[in-house]
Amino acid sequence: MKFALKIATAAVLAATATGALAQKGETVKIAWLDPLSGLMAAVGTNQLKTFQFLAEEFNKKNAAGVKFEIIGIDNKLSPQETTSALRSAQDQGARYVVQGNGSGAALAIIDALEKNNARNPGKEMLYVNYAAVDPDLTNSKCSYWHFRMDADTSMKMEALTTFMKDQPDVKKVYLLNQNYSHGVQVAKFAKENLARKRPDVQIVGEDLHPLAQVRDFAPYVAKIKASGADTVITGNWGSDLALLIKAANDAGLNNVKFYTYYGTVSGTPTAMGAASAGKVYQVGYGHYNMGGEIERLAVAFNKKFKEDLYTSAAYTTLQMLTDGFVKAKSTDPVKVAAALEGLRFKSFNGDVEVRKADHQLQQGLYITKWDKAGGKYPIDSEGTGYTFVPVKYYEPYVASTPTSCEMKRPSP
């Protein structure tokens, strides 16, 4: 009897040990769907390298015992192309998808996965959004299969205007943004937040321009100059921000400050250079000189590719999935999605939480200013000798915004 009991106990322990890493040895294919062509190709290429580089690092010591494989597919920054790219990803065996450039493409993925996952039990896919920040994606358009690692447009504007509220030199603001959901939302939340926090501030101009099509921003800069603005708020990214900053510097727009979302993105630091020192601010979940593991990886990435690692949400993505696999004891997207709800874990920027109500990551945000690198902040960007220096940090609760999401969860 005792012998039988020992055997049974040993069997339970063995099963538990096996279950803890039931997915050990698996290769988890993740489809990366973002632009590798057009004006935003430099951004997409850098981000694909970032995911592949970080996947290799996670594979060296993955707590879930899995290997990540990143499959890069060009979606040409188009919702229609994104849907085709998603079908290609499925054909290649990917059950996880990551995307970040363009909320239109993000919505296309959400719609496609809602249909696929309802119609094809056993072949469900899960989407981790690392940079598409339209608030609707975790509000009216929220999905059980969608998890967002970046702070949304409203969260960033909450932090940005909380900082601007205490800047007496902000008196006349010009809003210049890309003409798609994110840009429209930047302008909307900027006006609402400033009216509430600084009713004395005047909005002296507002423009929306085509996404990734403008090659000369001189006409827009002329309008900014003529308006008498002392501040520009822009959610522009990629070539649309780099070319805007270049035009501003070329026009000698020296007394105007830019409050941005994406000053670190490929090409923009070079466009800023010394001429933009002290004039460009950014809101984001980190900065170049964070220390620890992410700084070590950023240095190694720069050494390998001669480029900056600025999409640190890729690290958060892989860390969250790893922790989700361990918690679920599986790589099945259905089980992992359930495990991710409410998950608290440690990323490069501290303790973060996946809010169960809408799958929006709750994390602290930094306000940083473009300035000369050195001292406590030695790591520069794109070899310019300049970096984004942190000037203010806000705890997660400061920028956290309420959600109207009515999550439709699959039946047990």
Foldseek 3Di string as FASTA:
>chain_A
DVVVVVVVVVVVVVVVVCLLQVVAPAEAEEEEEEACDALQNQQVVLVLLLLQLVQVVCCVPQPSNYHYDYHYDHQNQDLVSLLVSVVVCVVVPHQEYEYARHVSNVLSVLVVQVVCCVVPPPRHHAYEYQHHAQQCCLFVVFELRYAYLWHHLQLLLLVVVVVVLPPVLQAEEEEEEEPDRRSVVNVVNNVVSCCVRPVRHHHQYYDYHHASPDDACLVVLVVCVVSVGQEYEYADERNVQLRNLLNCLVVVVQRHAYEYAYCQGPNNCVSCFPSCAQRYKHKTQDWQQLDDPVVVSQVVSCVVPVAGDDSQSSQVVVVLLSVLCSQLSHNRSLSSSVSQQQDWDQTSRGIWTQHNQRNYIQFKMFMWGKHAADDSGNDDHSPRRITTHTDDIDGRVSSDDDHNDDYDRDDD
